[in-house]
N, C-alpha and C. Protein backbone atom coordinates (compact mmCIF):
# COMPACT_ATOMS: atom_id res chain seq x y z
N MET A 1 11.73 10.60 34.13
CA MET A 1 12.48 11.26 34.86
C MET A 1 13.41 11.53 34.81
N LYS A 2 13.76 9.96 33.95
CA LYS A 2 15.24 9.43 33.64
C LYS A 2 15.71 10.22 32.15
N PRO A 3 14.34 9.80 31.37
CA PRO A 3 14.63 10.95 29.88
C PRO A 3 15.05 12.11 30.20
N PHE A 4 14.46 13.13 31.28
CA PHE A 4 15.13 14.01 31.35
C PHE A 4 16.50 14.40 31.57
N PHE A 5 16.75 13.50 32.49
CA PHE A 5 18.32 13.77 32.84
C PHE A 5 19.29 13.40 32.15
N ILE A 6 18.51 12.32 31.10
CA ILE A 6 19.57 11.35 30.05
C ILE A 6 19.73 12.46 28.89
N LEU A 7 18.69 13.37 28.65
CA LEU A 7 18.79 14.38 27.68
C LEU A 7 19.60 15.54 28.17
N VAL A 8 19.28 16.18 29.35
CA VAL A 8 20.12 17.20 29.92
C VAL A 8 22.12 16.65 30.06
N ILE A 9 21.85 15.63 30.10
CA ILE A 9 23.49 15.01 29.93
C ILE A 9 24.21 15.19 28.73
N ALA A 10 23.16 13.97 27.32
CA ALA A 10 23.58 14.21 26.10
C ALA A 10 24.26 15.33 26.15
N THR A 11 23.00 16.46 26.02
CA THR A 11 23.07 17.66 25.48
C THR A 11 24.53 18.35 26.11
N LEU A 12 24.88 18.35 27.62
CA LEU A 12 25.97 18.87 27.97
C LEU A 12 27.28 18.27 27.34
N VAL A 13 27.31 16.93 27.13
CA VAL A 13 28.45 16.04 26.60
C VAL A 13 28.69 16.89 25.15
N ALA A 14 27.17 16.83 24.48
CA ALA A 14 27.55 17.32 22.83
C ALA A 14 28.10 18.63 22.94
N GLY A 15 27.59 19.85 23.96
CA GLY A 15 28.08 21.04 23.79
C GLY A 15 29.64 21.25 24.48
N CYS A 16 30.17 20.33 24.76
CA CYS A 16 31.58 20.33 25.79
C CYS A 16 32.89 19.41 24.99
N THR A 17 32.44 18.75 23.95
CA THR A 17 33.04 17.97 22.74
C THR A 17 33.88 19.29 21.81
N LYS A 18 35.23 19.05 21.50
CA LYS A 18 35.71 19.84 21.10
C LYS A 18 35.51 19.52 19.30
N LYS A 19 35.19 20.40 18.57
CA LYS A 19 35.12 19.74 17.10
C LYS A 19 36.45 20.05 16.40
N LYS A 20 36.47 18.80 15.72
CA LYS A 20 38.14 19.43 15.09
C LYS A 20 38.06 19.69 13.82
N GLU A 21 38.85 20.62 13.31
CA GLU A 21 38.98 21.11 12.14
C GLU A 21 39.80 19.69 11.01
N PRO A 22 38.42 20.35 9.97
CA PRO A 22 38.71 18.96 8.93
C PRO A 22 40.20 19.56 8.47
N GLY A 23 41.15 18.18 8.23
CA GLY A 23 42.31 18.53 8.03
C GLY A 23 43.63 18.64 8.67
N ALA A 24 42.99 19.06 10.43
CA ALA A 24 44.15 19.44 11.02
C ALA A 24 45.10 18.03 11.38
N LEU A 25 46.26 18.43 11.51
CA LEU A 25 46.84 16.87 11.49
C LEU A 25 46.35 16.20 12.79
N LEU A 26 45.79 16.44 13.69
CA LEU A 26 45.52 15.68 14.77
C LEU A 26 44.39 14.95 14.47
N THR A 27 44.05 14.91 13.19
CA THR A 27 42.94 13.64 12.79
C THR A 27 43.74 12.74 12.33
N GLU A 28 44.27 12.64 12.00
CA GLU A 28 45.00 11.56 11.53
C GLU A 28 45.80 10.50 12.40
N SER A 29 46.12 9.70 12.02
CA SER A 29 46.87 9.05 12.68
C SER A 29 48.02 8.48 11.89
N PHE A 30 49.28 8.38 12.64
CA PHE A 30 50.78 8.12 11.59
C PHE A 30 51.20 7.21 12.79
N PRO A 31 51.67 6.28 11.83
CA PRO A 31 52.77 6.13 10.02
C PRO A 31 51.59 5.92 9.23
N GLN A 32 51.80 6.18 8.33
CA GLN A 32 50.54 6.03 7.11
C GLN A 32 51.28 5.67 6.29
N LYS A 33 50.79 5.53 4.88
CA LYS A 33 51.76 4.56 3.83
C LYS A 33 50.64 5.71 3.09
N VAL A 34 51.70 6.35 1.66
CA VAL A 34 51.22 7.39 0.94
C VAL A 34 51.89 7.03 -0.36
N VAL A 35 51.23 7.78 -1.30
CA VAL A 35 51.55 7.40 -2.83
C VAL A 35 51.89 9.34 -2.98
N LEU A 36 52.65 9.83 -2.83
CA LEU A 36 52.44 11.47 -3.17
C LEU A 36 52.16 11.51 -4.97
N VAL A 37 51.07 12.69 -4.90
CA VAL A 37 50.90 12.45 -6.44
C VAL A 37 50.84 14.27 -6.76
N ILE A 38 51.88 14.86 -7.76
CA ILE A 38 51.70 16.21 -8.28
C ILE A 38 50.68 16.53 -9.22
N GLU A 39 49.95 17.15 -8.72
CA GLU A 39 48.76 18.17 -9.32
C GLU A 39 49.41 18.71 -10.87
N ASN A 40 49.01 18.43 -11.81
CA ASN A 40 49.17 19.37 -13.19
C ASN A 40 48.24 19.87 -13.80
N PRO A 41 46.99 21.40 -13.23
CA PRO A 41 46.33 21.54 -13.53
C PRO A 41 45.74 21.83 -15.48
N ASN A 42 46.85 21.50 -16.20
CA ASN A 42 46.91 21.96 -17.52
C ASN A 42 47.44 20.62 -18.40
N ASP A 43 46.42 19.57 -17.67
CA ASP A 43 46.67 18.41 -18.32
C ASP A 43 45.83 17.36 -17.72
N ASP A 44 44.90 17.11 -18.75
CA ASP A 44 43.49 16.41 -18.19
C ASP A 44 43.47 15.07 -18.20
N LEU A 45 44.82 14.30 -18.90
CA LEU A 45 45.13 12.90 -18.32
C LEU A 45 45.90 12.68 -17.68
N PHE A 46 46.85 12.80 -17.36
CA PHE A 46 48.17 12.40 -16.40
C PHE A 46 48.08 12.93 -15.04
N TYR A 47 48.86 12.32 -13.76
CA TYR A 47 49.15 12.90 -12.73
C TYR A 47 50.73 12.71 -12.84
N ASP A 48 51.42 13.38 -12.32
CA ASP A 48 52.58 12.77 -11.33
C ASP A 48 52.59 12.33 -10.23
N TYR A 49 53.75 11.01 -10.05
CA TYR A 49 54.14 10.82 -8.79
C TYR A 49 55.03 10.57 -8.27
N LEU A 50 55.32 10.17 -7.16
CA LEU A 50 57.20 10.46 -6.98
C LEU A 50 57.82 9.00 -6.59
N THR A 51 58.59 8.92 -7.16
CA THR A 51 59.38 7.45 -7.22
C THR A 51 60.94 7.75 -6.72
N GLY A 52 61.11 6.47 -6.18
CA GLY A 52 62.12 7.17 -5.58
C GLY A 52 63.43 6.08 -5.40
N GLY A 53 63.29 4.91 -6.43
CA GLY A 53 63.87 3.81 -6.45
C GLY A 53 65.13 3.89 -7.12
N THR A 54 65.52 5.35 -7.05
CA THR A 54 67.01 5.75 -7.30
C THR A 54 67.36 6.92 -6.71
N SER A 55 68.72 7.42 -6.86
CA SER A 55 69.03 8.36 -5.59
C SER A 55 68.46 9.54 -5.75
N VAL A 56 67.94 9.71 -7.17
CA VAL A 56 67.38 10.92 -7.12
C VAL A 56 66.03 10.95 -7.52
N VAL A 57 65.19 11.38 -6.67
CA VAL A 57 63.06 11.40 -6.71
C VAL A 57 62.78 11.46 -8.37
N TYR A 58 62.44 10.99 -9.25
CA TYR A 58 61.56 11.11 -10.36
C TYR A 58 60.23 11.22 -10.22
N ARG A 59 59.70 12.11 -11.67
CA ARG A 59 58.45 12.02 -11.37
C ARG A 59 57.72 11.10 -12.42
N ARG A 60 56.89 9.87 -12.36
CA ARG A 60 56.41 9.29 -13.31
C ARG A 60 55.00 9.45 -13.44
N THR A 61 54.20 9.33 -14.51
CA THR A 61 52.63 9.48 -14.67
C THR A 61 52.35 8.07 -14.74
N VAL A 62 50.72 8.93 -14.24
CA VAL A 62 49.85 8.15 -13.88
C VAL A 62 48.26 8.35 -14.35
N ASP A 63 47.55 7.93 -15.07
CA ASP A 63 46.07 8.17 -15.64
C ASP A 63 45.81 8.83 -14.49
N LYS A 64 44.76 10.23 -14.92
CA LYS A 64 44.22 10.99 -13.61
C LYS A 64 43.07 10.63 -13.20
N THR A 65 43.03 9.62 -12.35
CA THR A 65 42.58 9.26 -11.71
C THR A 65 42.14 8.10 -11.25
N ASP A 66 41.65 8.87 -9.54
CA ASP A 66 41.84 8.29 -8.16
C ASP A 66 41.89 6.92 -7.83
N GLU A 67 41.22 5.84 -9.35
CA GLU A 67 41.58 4.16 -9.25
C GLU A 67 42.92 3.91 -9.49
N ALA A 68 42.96 4.82 -10.79
CA ALA A 68 44.71 4.68 -11.00
C ALA A 68 45.79 4.61 -10.04
N VAL A 69 45.72 5.65 -9.23
CA VAL A 69 46.38 6.15 -8.64
C VAL A 69 46.31 5.17 -7.51
N LYS A 70 45.13 4.94 -6.81
CA LYS A 70 45.04 3.73 -5.91
C LYS A 70 46.18 1.92 -5.90
N LYS A 71 45.59 1.87 -7.36
CA LYS A 71 46.27 0.66 -8.14
C LYS A 71 47.56 0.66 -7.96
N LEU A 72 48.55 1.84 -6.95
CA LEU A 72 49.76 1.76 -7.26
C LEU A 72 49.95 1.27 -5.84
N PHE A 73 49.49 1.12 -5.07
CA PHE A 73 49.75 0.36 -3.49
C PHE A 73 50.06 -0.77 -4.04
N SER A 74 49.31 -1.51 -5.12
CA SER A 74 49.18 -2.75 -4.84
C SER A 74 50.34 -3.56 -6.13
N SER A 75 50.73 -2.29 -6.69
CA SER A 75 51.32 -2.72 -8.10
C SER A 75 53.26 -3.48 -7.49
N SER A 76 53.17 -4.18 -8.49
CA SER A 76 54.91 -5.13 -8.42
C SER A 76 55.87 -4.03 -7.90
N LEU A 77 55.75 -3.05 -8.23
CA LEU A 77 56.39 -2.11 -8.33
C LEU A 77 56.46 -0.93 -6.85
N ALA A 78 55.76 -1.10 -6.37
CA ALA A 78 54.94 -0.65 -5.44
C ALA A 78 56.39 -0.07 -4.60
N TYR A 79 57.16 -0.96 -4.60
CA TYR A 79 58.56 -0.43 -3.38
C TYR A 79 59.22 0.63 -3.62
N GLU A 80 58.84 1.29 -4.70
CA GLU A 80 60.06 2.55 -5.55
C GLU A 80 59.05 3.95 -5.34
N TRP A 81 58.01 3.16 -4.72
CA TRP A 81 56.90 4.77 -4.95
C TRP A 81 56.16 5.04 -3.41
N VAL A 82 55.92 4.10 -2.98
CA VAL A 82 55.04 3.83 -1.48
C VAL A 82 56.24 4.22 -0.36
N TRP A 83 55.57 5.81 0.01
CA TRP A 83 56.59 6.10 1.06
C TRP A 83 55.75 5.93 2.73
N VAL A 84 56.62 6.22 3.76
CA VAL A 84 55.53 5.95 4.78
C VAL A 84 56.05 7.25 5.55
N ALA A 85 55.02 8.08 5.74
CA ALA A 85 54.83 9.45 6.20
C ALA A 85 54.97 9.22 7.50
N ARG A 86 56.01 9.85 8.31
CA ARG A 86 56.01 9.53 9.91
C ARG A 86 55.88 11.35 10.30
N MET A 87 55.37 11.22 11.77
CA MET A 87 55.45 12.52 12.26
C MET A 87 56.90 12.64 13.17
N GLU A 88 57.57 13.80 13.05
CA GLU A 88 58.65 13.77 14.36
C GLU A 88 58.61 15.12 15.28
N GLY A 89 57.64 15.70 16.12
CA GLY A 89 57.03 16.79 16.64
C GLY A 89 55.84 17.02 15.80
N ASN A 90 55.96 18.40 14.88
CA ASN A 90 54.88 18.98 14.06
C ASN A 90 55.75 18.61 12.70
N LEU A 91 56.55 18.13 12.70
CA LEU A 91 56.94 18.18 10.95
C LEU A 91 56.60 16.84 10.18
N ILE A 92 56.79 16.53 9.31
CA ILE A 92 56.49 15.17 8.53
C ILE A 92 57.90 14.73 7.98
N TYR A 93 58.44 13.52 7.90
CA TYR A 93 59.33 13.22 6.77
C TYR A 93 58.50 11.65 6.81
N PHE A 94 59.41 11.07 5.98
CA PHE A 94 58.89 10.20 4.70
C PHE A 94 60.11 8.90 4.26
N HIS A 95 59.84 7.69 4.72
CA HIS A 95 61.15 6.64 3.96
C HIS A 95 60.19 6.00 2.82
N LEU A 96 60.91 4.79 2.29
CA LEU A 96 60.20 4.39 1.63
C LEU A 96 59.85 3.20 2.46
N ALA A 97 58.57 2.59 2.46
CA ALA A 97 58.03 1.66 2.93
C ALA A 97 58.99 0.29 2.68
N ASP A 98 59.64 -0.20 1.30
CA ASP A 98 60.35 -1.31 1.54
C ASP A 98 62.00 -0.87 1.84
N ALA A 99 62.04 0.11 2.09
CA ALA A 99 63.42 0.62 2.38
C ALA A 99 63.48 1.24 3.07
N PRO A 100 63.12 1.32 4.93
CA PRO A 100 63.44 2.18 5.78
C PRO A 100 64.41 3.06 5.82
N ASP A 101 65.49 2.76 5.28
CA ASP A 101 67.01 3.40 5.40
C ASP A 101 66.95 4.09 4.46
N THR A 102 65.95 4.40 3.70
CA THR A 102 65.98 5.69 2.47
C THR A 102 64.69 6.37 2.37
N TYR A 103 65.11 8.07 2.57
CA TYR A 103 64.65 8.96 2.72
C TYR A 103 64.43 9.86 1.96
N LEU A 104 63.03 10.46 1.93
CA LEU A 104 63.06 11.52 1.00
C LEU A 104 63.39 12.84 1.22
N GLN A 105 64.57 13.30 0.46
CA GLN A 105 64.96 14.47 1.33
C GLN A 105 65.71 15.88 0.48
N VAL A 106 65.95 16.72 1.00
CA VAL A 106 66.16 17.80 0.17
C VAL A 106 67.56 17.84 -0.34
N ALA A 107 68.13 18.19 -0.99
CA ALA A 107 69.88 18.17 -1.62
C ALA A 107 70.13 19.60 -2.78
N PRO A 108 70.76 20.11 -2.58
CA PRO A 108 71.17 20.92 -3.57
C PRO A 108 71.99 20.08 -5.21
N ASN A 109 71.31 20.93 -6.28
CA ASN A 109 71.40 20.14 -7.60
C ASN A 109 73.22 20.25 -7.81
N ARG A 110 73.75 19.43 -8.05
CA ARG A 110 75.44 19.60 -8.25
C ARG A 110 75.32 20.59 -9.60
N LEU A 111 74.53 20.15 -10.52
CA LEU A 111 74.80 21.23 -11.74
C LEU A 111 74.48 22.84 -11.57
N SER A 112 73.40 23.02 -10.97
CA SER A 112 72.74 24.43 -10.90
C SER A 112 72.78 24.63 -9.29
N ASP A 113 71.83 26.10 -9.36
CA ASP A 113 71.96 26.23 -7.89
C ASP A 113 70.69 25.96 -7.08
N GLU A 114 69.78 24.82 -8.07
CA GLU A 114 68.97 24.62 -7.54
C GLU A 114 68.66 23.57 -6.32
N TYR A 115 67.63 23.04 -5.57
CA TYR A 115 66.89 22.35 -4.35
C TYR A 115 66.12 21.00 -5.43
N MET A 116 66.47 20.01 -4.95
CA MET A 116 66.31 19.27 -5.50
C MET A 116 65.95 17.94 -4.51
N LEU A 117 64.97 16.62 -4.89
CA LEU A 117 64.63 16.20 -3.93
C LEU A 117 65.46 14.55 -4.06
N ARG A 118 66.18 13.87 -3.16
CA ARG A 118 66.72 12.97 -3.08
C ARG A 118 66.23 11.83 -2.29
N ALA A 119 66.37 10.36 -2.39
CA ALA A 119 66.36 9.62 -1.53
C ALA A 119 67.57 8.77 -1.45
N SER A 120 67.77 8.85 -0.18
CA SER A 120 69.25 8.33 0.26
C SER A 120 68.95 8.28 1.97
N SER A 121 70.10 7.83 2.63
CA SER A 121 70.07 7.41 4.03
C SER A 121 70.28 8.94 4.75
N LYS A 122 69.57 8.94 5.79
CA LYS A 122 69.25 10.10 6.70
C LYS A 122 70.58 10.11 6.96
N LYS A 123 70.69 11.76 6.87
CA LYS A 123 71.62 12.84 7.26
C LYS A 123 71.41 13.11 8.63
N SER A 124 72.01 13.94 9.43
CA SER A 124 72.13 14.60 11.04
C SER A 124 71.57 16.01 10.43
N ASP A 125 70.72 16.16 9.54
CA ASP A 125 70.72 17.79 9.03
C ASP A 125 68.73 17.74 8.99
N GLN A 126 68.81 18.78 8.59
CA GLN A 126 66.93 18.47 8.88
C GLN A 126 66.43 18.06 7.03
N SER A 127 67.40 18.00 6.20
CA SER A 127 67.26 17.87 4.78
C SER A 127 65.90 16.80 4.49
N HIS A 128 65.40 16.24 5.78
CA HIS A 128 64.33 15.10 5.49
C HIS A 128 62.80 15.51 5.89
N LEU A 129 63.14 16.84 6.74
CA LEU A 129 61.81 17.23 7.40
C LEU A 129 60.87 18.22 6.42
N PHE A 130 60.03 18.26 6.51
CA PHE A 130 58.70 18.94 5.71
C PHE A 130 57.73 19.51 6.61
N ARG A 131 57.28 20.52 6.45
CA ARG A 131 56.15 21.07 7.00
C ARG A 131 54.92 20.51 5.42
N ARG A 132 54.05 20.15 6.55
CA ARG A 132 52.79 19.71 5.34
C ARG A 132 51.76 21.06 5.62
N HIS A 133 51.11 21.57 4.57
CA HIS A 133 50.32 22.59 4.27
C HIS A 133 48.96 21.84 3.67
N HIS A 134 47.91 21.77 4.35
CA HIS A 134 46.70 21.39 4.28
C HIS A 134 45.93 22.78 3.29
N ILE A 135 45.61 22.17 2.23
CA ILE A 135 44.95 23.18 1.40
C ILE A 135 43.61 23.18 1.34
N GLU A 136 42.97 21.93 1.25
CA GLU A 136 41.69 21.21 1.11
C GLU A 136 41.36 20.40 1.28
N PHE A 137 40.41 19.95 0.58
CA PHE A 137 40.05 18.34 0.37
C PHE A 137 38.97 18.13 -0.70
N GLN A 138 39.48 17.32 -1.85
CA GLN A 138 38.64 17.15 -2.96
C GLN A 138 38.34 15.84 -3.35
N ASN A 139 37.13 15.36 -3.01
CA ASN A 139 36.27 13.77 -3.37
C ASN A 139 37.02 12.80 -2.28
N GLY A 140 37.41 13.80 -0.87
CA GLY A 140 37.67 12.64 -0.02
C GLY A 140 39.40 12.59 0.23
N ILE A 141 40.00 13.39 -1.03
CA ILE A 141 41.65 13.27 -1.08
C ILE A 141 42.10 14.64 -0.53
N ARG A 142 43.12 14.79 0.30
CA ARG A 142 43.71 16.01 1.13
C ARG A 142 44.45 16.17 0.14
N ILE A 143 44.76 17.62 -0.08
CA ILE A 143 45.26 18.42 -1.17
C ILE A 143 46.20 19.23 -0.62
N VAL A 144 47.89 18.91 -0.63
CA VAL A 144 48.89 19.56 0.47
C VAL A 144 49.50 20.18 -0.53
N THR A 145 50.47 20.76 0.29
CA THR A 145 51.65 21.57 -0.55
C THR A 145 53.19 20.95 0.51
N LEU A 146 53.93 20.71 0.14
CA LEU A 146 55.09 20.30 1.08
C LEU A 146 56.41 21.56 0.99
N GLU A 147 56.53 21.64 2.47
CA GLU A 147 57.67 22.55 2.34
C GLU A 147 58.87 22.33 2.85
N SER A 148 60.16 22.47 2.62
CA SER A 148 61.63 22.01 3.08
C SER A 148 61.37 22.87 4.43
N VAL A 149 61.93 22.09 5.32
CA VAL A 149 62.14 22.53 6.96
C VAL A 149 63.74 23.53 6.47
N MET A 150 64.65 22.83 6.00
CA MET A 150 65.80 22.90 5.96
C MET A 150 66.39 24.71 4.95
N TYR A 151 65.18 24.53 3.89
CA TYR A 151 65.13 25.42 3.44
C TYR A 151 63.93 25.99 3.34
N PRO A 152 63.73 27.38 4.26
CA PRO A 152 61.96 27.74 4.31
C PRO A 152 61.42 28.41 3.32
N LYS A 153 60.43 28.02 2.81
CA LYS A 153 59.66 29.16 1.73
C LYS A 153 60.10 28.03 0.15
N TYR A 154 60.35 26.66 0.40
CA TYR A 154 61.06 25.81 -0.97
C TYR A 154 60.34 24.89 -0.93
N PHE A 155 59.31 24.86 -1.51
CA PHE A 155 57.91 23.90 -2.03
C PHE A 155 58.14 22.44 -3.14
N LEU A 156 58.14 21.42 -3.05
CA LEU A 156 58.06 20.90 -4.04
C LEU A 156 57.32 21.16 -5.51
N SER A 157 57.79 20.91 -6.24
CA SER A 157 56.93 21.60 -7.54
C SER A 157 57.13 20.18 -8.75
N ARG A 158 56.51 20.63 -9.81
CA ARG A 158 56.11 19.63 -11.44
C ARG A 158 57.73 19.83 -11.97
N ASP A 159 58.06 21.41 -11.72
CA ASP A 159 59.75 21.31 -12.53
C ASP A 159 60.30 20.33 -12.41
N GLY A 160 61.25 20.34 -13.38
CA GLY A 160 62.22 19.25 -13.55
C GLY A 160 63.78 20.13 -13.08
N VAL A 161 65.11 19.90 -12.96
CA VAL A 161 66.15 20.77 -12.32
C VAL A 161 67.42 20.52 -13.80
N VAL A 162 68.06 21.06 -13.66
CA VAL A 162 68.94 21.37 -14.85
C VAL A 162 69.63 19.89 -15.02
N GLY A 163 70.14 19.33 -15.49
CA GLY A 163 70.27 17.67 -16.37
C GLY A 163 69.77 16.57 -15.91
N GLU A 164 68.25 16.94 -15.15
CA GLU A 164 67.74 16.05 -14.59
C GLU A 164 65.72 16.20 -14.69
N ASN A 165 65.52 16.37 -16.50
CA ASN A 165 63.60 16.97 -16.38
C ASN A 165 63.10 16.19 -15.80
N LYS A 166 63.47 14.92 -15.14
CA LYS A 166 62.43 14.45 -14.81
C LYS A 166 62.28 13.98 -12.93
N ALA A 167 63.25 15.16 -12.63
CA ALA A 167 63.70 15.14 -11.19
C ALA A 167 62.58 15.59 -10.67
N VAL A 168 62.79 15.99 -9.24
CA VAL A 168 61.67 17.00 -8.57
C VAL A 168 62.42 18.06 -7.66
N LYS A 169 61.61 19.80 -8.49
CA LYS A 169 62.83 20.24 -8.05
C LYS A 169 62.18 21.08 -7.22
N LEU A 170 62.09 22.13 -6.32
CA LEU A 170 61.62 22.70 -5.12
C LEU A 170 61.61 24.22 -5.40
N ILE A 171 60.71 24.52 -5.57
CA ILE A 171 60.37 26.12 -6.07
C ILE A 171 60.30 27.18 -4.66
N GLU A 172 60.87 28.23 -4.58
CA GLU A 172 60.50 29.48 -3.50
C GLU A 172 59.19 30.31 -3.86
N LYS A 173 58.59 29.91 -3.06
CA LYS A 173 56.92 30.45 -2.91
C LYS A 173 56.88 31.28 -1.19
N ALA A 174 56.25 32.09 -1.02
CA ALA A 174 55.48 33.34 -0.19
C ALA A 174 54.52 32.61 0.23
N ASP A 175 53.39 32.14 -0.34
CA ASP A 175 52.86 31.70 -0.07
C ASP A 175 52.70 30.21 -0.14
N PRO A 176 51.92 29.51 0.80
CA PRO A 176 52.47 27.58 0.53
C PRO A 176 51.09 27.48 -0.33
N LYS A 177 49.69 28.52 -0.43
CA LYS A 177 48.59 28.50 -1.21
C LYS A 177 48.77 28.81 -2.54
N THR A 178 49.96 29.15 -2.74
CA THR A 178 50.25 29.15 -4.51
C THR A 178 51.35 28.36 -4.98
N ALA A 179 51.51 27.66 -4.01
CA ALA A 179 52.88 26.17 -4.20
C ALA A 179 51.95 25.22 -4.76
N THR A 180 52.83 24.21 -5.59
CA THR A 180 52.69 23.22 -6.67
C THR A 180 51.73 22.07 -5.47
N LYS A 181 50.52 21.71 -5.46
CA LYS A 181 49.56 21.06 -5.01
C LYS A 181 50.14 19.39 -5.11
N LEU A 182 49.51 18.64 -3.92
CA LEU A 182 50.10 17.55 -4.17
C LEU A 182 48.67 16.69 -3.57
N ARG A 183 48.53 15.66 -3.90
CA ARG A 183 47.31 14.78 -3.58
C ARG A 183 47.95 13.98 -2.67
N TRP A 184 47.14 13.78 -1.75
CA TRP A 184 47.65 12.90 -0.53
C TRP A 184 46.66 11.74 -0.30
N TYR A 185 47.70 10.56 -1.29
CA TYR A 185 46.87 9.09 -1.04
C TYR A 185 47.59 8.27 0.14
N ALA A 186 46.48 8.30 1.23
CA ALA A 186 47.12 7.82 2.17
C ALA A 186 46.37 6.24 2.56
N ARG A 187 47.35 5.12 3.59
CA ARG A 187 46.35 4.08 3.89
C ARG A 187 47.18 4.09 5.57
N GLN A 188 46.17 4.15 6.62
CA GLN A 188 46.93 3.62 7.48
C GLN A 188 47.66 2.41 8.07
N MET A 189 48.99 2.36 8.70
CA MET A 189 49.28 1.47 8.81
C MET A 189 48.65 0.70 10.56
């Protein structure tokens, strides 16, 4: 009789549990240490990753392998490109892991009508906030697009800006799925 009741209770519990959608923010815990890697579908050799060692956020290249990107976490220069992702409501913001007062932010380019990424102290506006759009998983790595909250429909891209070719420009896109994809390499804190 006991095995029957155990089976009934187990069935009821299994039937009542909520299944979490893969990739939903609720299935992750924050803060996370992340290296943000920009995909280039036309390049078989390299990824770009975001570095905030100066006030302008630049793209640097790394071999196009998961192993090479994961080594960036333990590099002697990791303080320039390991970000801490934190939640503010349902939005994400980033600061450098070794410089908690240096935030990833969107700012106008002084030389053109473009928006670009900067690494600087937090402002009172929403320039540091992003919407993360989950696209898919590839080999266990989350693929996302990042949209500016301050400038809706503007997403991180691989393009440079006028006067700073290796800087990170934001490009307007109507659909997050058509924006430049980022590989979200994360480590729980």
